[in-house]
């Protein structure tokens, strides 16, 4: 799991910042789930062709 602060569109005309958590799943090794802490819900699923071992953002 890794945390990243991101800007997202919360309406058509405004944007908000939220902590997003990227979570890999041991039972679904090719899926990464994106969780928005401000909304308290999962907002995206990223499917990759291989098994996710760890998540790291480049600086």
Protein backbone atom coordinates (compact mmCIF):
# COMPACT_ATOMS: atom_id res chain seq x y z
CA UNK A 1 0.00 0.00 0.00
CA UNK A 2 1.24 3.47 -0.84
CA UNK A 3 -0.26 6.93 -0.24
CA UNK A 4 -0.24 9.76 -2.76
CA UNK A 5 -1.94 13.18 -2.58
CA UNK A 6 -3.84 13.87 -5.80
CA UNK A 7 -6.08 16.52 -7.29
CA UNK A 8 -9.37 15.28 -8.72
CA UNK A 9 -12.54 16.83 -10.17
CA UNK A 10 -15.27 16.68 -7.54
CA UNK A 11 -17.74 18.63 -9.75
CA UNK A 12 -17.71 19.98 -13.30
CA UNK A 13 -16.11 23.25 -12.20
CA UNK A 14 -14.13 22.58 -9.02
CA UNK A 15 -11.22 20.42 -7.98
CA UNK A 16 -10.26 18.96 -4.62
CA UNK A 17 -7.19 17.34 -3.10
CA UNK A 18 -7.38 13.96 -1.41
CA UNK A 19 -5.10 11.28 -0.10
CA UNK A 20 -5.28 8.32 -2.43
CA UNK A 21 -4.16 4.90 -1.34
CA UNK A 22 -2.96 2.41 -3.93
CA UNK A 23 -3.47 -1.12 -2.63
CA UNK A 24 -2.38 -4.41 -4.16
CA UNK A 25 -4.40 -7.56 -3.47
CA UNK A 26 -2.80 -10.91 -2.65
CA UNK A 27 -5.90 -12.74 -3.95
CA UNK A 28 -5.90 -10.80 -7.24
CA UNK A 29 -2.18 -10.25 -7.94
CA UNK A 30 -2.67 -8.30 -11.18
CA UNK A 31 -5.02 -5.69 -9.65
CA UNK A 32 -4.21 -2.40 -7.95
CA UNK A 33 -7.07 -0.65 -6.17
CA UNK A 34 -7.24 3.13 -5.73
CA UNK A 35 -8.97 4.30 -2.53
CA UNK A 36 -10.00 7.93 -1.96
CA UNK A 37 -9.76 8.81 1.76
CA UNK A 38 -11.96 11.92 1.38
CA UNK A 39 -14.80 9.94 -0.17
CA UNK A 40 -14.14 6.77 1.89
CA UNK A 41 -14.52 4.61 -1.19
CA UNK A 42 -12.63 2.83 -3.93
CA UNK A 43 -12.52 4.99 -7.05
CA UNK A 44 -10.51 2.96 -9.56
CA UNK A 45 -9.06 -0.46 -10.35
CA UNK A 46 -5.86 -0.72 -12.36
CA UNK A 47 -5.24 -4.08 -14.02
CA UNK A 48 -1.67 -4.89 -15.07
CA UNK A 49 -0.44 -7.82 -17.16
CA UNK A 50 1.79 -9.27 -14.42
CA UNK A 51 1.75 -9.89 -10.69
CA UNK A 52 2.07 -6.80 -8.48
CA UNK A 53 4.73 -7.33 -5.84
CA UNK A 54 5.13 -3.75 -4.61
CA UNK A 55 3.92 -0.27 -5.55
CA UNK A 56 6.35 2.63 -5.80
CA UNK A 57 5.99 6.08 -7.37
CA UNK A 58 8.94 7.65 -9.14
CA UNK A 59 10.05 11.03 -7.81
